[in-house]
Amino acid sequence: MRTRSFLHLLSLLVCTSALHHSHAATQPTWKTKLPEAVKWQQITSAGTLLVGTSSSLASLDPDSGTVLWTRNELSKTSPFNVREIPNSPILIVNDHSSTMNPKTKLAALDVLSGTTLWETEKEQGYPIGAFPITAKNLLLAFSNGYIEGEGAGLFMTARELSSGKKLWRVKYAGVNDVVLHPSDNSGKFFVTTDLSGHAEPVVDGDNVLLPFTGAASYNLQTGAKNWAHEFRAVPREFKRAAAGIVVDGDTVFASGVSKVVAINKSTGTIRWESKKVFSGTTVQLLPAGEKLLVRLGGNFLETSKREWKLEKPLRILALNKSDGSEVWEYTNLSDGLTNLQLVDDKTVMVADAHNLIGIDLASSGKAKESFSVPLEFKRKLGGGEAAAKIGLGLLGGVQGLATGIAKSASGKDRLDVPVNISKLDGNKVVVRGKQHLLAFDTSSKSIAWSTYYPAPGAAGWEMGLMIALTAAQGLNYNSSYASGQMSLSSASDNISKALDQFDKFQNKRYSATKTGTQQVYILTRVEEGKDKGVGLMAIDLSTGDSAGQVLLKDKEPDYAVDDVSGRLFYVNGKSEIQAFKLK
């Protein structure tokens, strides 16, 4: 009888879902259909929309959606190998052809017309990164290949940014000397790699400091190596998980996977290496007076699974700049860790999953807290989850089941972990999570405002379906045990598996949070008149108030936002781009 009642519930839920999906979505201001699926999009400084497909690069007019230009020969691009030169209408495209015998070339395009300003001859090798240095009219390009007389390896080439003229080329490293991560546009079956997982080079006067093999200094005019120290600079399993190089006066601070190194900027002499071998991934170096703050651990992109993972242990260290000795350590962190943000010359702020914390920079030994304010970045049980809790309660009677139910309703897996702290004008900082946003007043040590927009989660009928099926499975296993057809351990194991499947489904949440210069965009449920569903809410970073919304009915939207014009560009399906004016 119970199973039949669940099936009846299931049919009602399916009917309800059909009515839910009959509403019309918000109308875009324009739609443009492209010949191929959109792989990526970004806003240029000129306000145009740059779009990459598998075999072309195109530019769209933001007002009308008209295709301004298309370059069909520029294929398999990504934001990492199409770089806009800051404060100029020029795009640098690091292009390649063939996979068996790769050839690479560089091209400079006019952003507005798409015409070629200059391009290089094809050279042997596969492109792995290009970095414009506008102050020196230089472009540094890296390729992985083989050159007669020099052998195989990674080569660094300098060109004039204005003309593409080659100035010099050097062999930078051996074939396996640099950790390369999967490219942002890498395929599933044929994996391509590049330097996108590393921090970018740092320009210091006439020299460039490179972080790819540890720390190295090269003269930009000649390509001569000033000095170099090799050590493992980044973890292989994570992208963008290294602090990179920091220049502080006449000292270069560089982080490795297991140490921090201080180097004399002029001579390359190592002044000190951290005495302690750190356990954890060094992700930020922050000079603060006579100290160097070191952040270890956090959320990183696991390249093999393309998922974000919390890497522990989570720690903050303060090292003496002069000798690298440890001044203090802070370890009272759990379930997450944001960036470090200096409030003044006395306090550094950080947030874990539970608190916004101020650490006294003058601490010694075990760091002292200047303040600790609860964030309460935690989802509240919604209607679907409350129903799930009741539905699973009907499964009782089998040993070990209570543990599974407790796990399903536990709080830790419902945490919305803070991901960033940014400083605003005056005394305010903004703390951002995937679904939360709050402003903290550093003078009064109080929360000025706080907003929370629930993640859309699974549709009601999908949740109902999983509740019904999981409960029916549990009743079936209970019945089999009671009639002697199944042992207690087998029944418990099967119910545990059913609960695990439900748990994975229930805790699946979709997030598409992005931060602009003036606003943050959060994926949540929105309403447009009588219509409602999944959409994007724009939140003003200075006030926490809503600055507009768009109803998309898409749980994993691919979109770009222009803060200046207030437009949102959304990829509908695979190849159609729609523009919305935020209200």
Foldseek 3Di string as FASTA:
>chain_A
DLLVVLVVVLVVLVVVVVVQPPDDFDAFPEKDFDPAFWPAWAADPVRWIWTAGQFKIWIADQNYRDTQDMDRRAGLFDPQQWDDDPPAQKTKHWGWDDDVFIWTKIFIAGNRRRDTQEIDDTDTFAWFGWDDDVVVQKIWTWTFGQDPPPGTAIKIWIARNNYRHTQDMDHDGHRPQFQWAFDPSADPPGTDTHCQQDDDWDDDVQWIWDPGQHTWIAGNNHRHTQDDDGDAQFDNFFGLQGAAWDDDPQWIWGDHQFWIWIAGNRRRHTQEIAPGGDDFGWRHWDDQVQKIKTWGWFWTQGRVVRDIDTTDDTKIWIAGNRYRHTFEIERPADDGKEDWADQDSFWIWIDWLFWIWIWGPNHGYYIDTPDIHTDPQFDDDDPLLVVLLVLLVLLDDAPPSVVLSCVLPDTSLRTQTWYYWADDPDQWIWIDTQFKIWIARNVVRGTPDIDGFDFQADDSSVSSVLSSVLSVLSVVLVVCCVVVNDPSVRSNVSNSVSSVVSSVRRSDTFTDWDDDPFWIKTWHWDDDVPRIAIWIWTAGNVPRDTPFIGGDNDRHWRWYADPVQQKIWTRDPTGMIGIHRGD
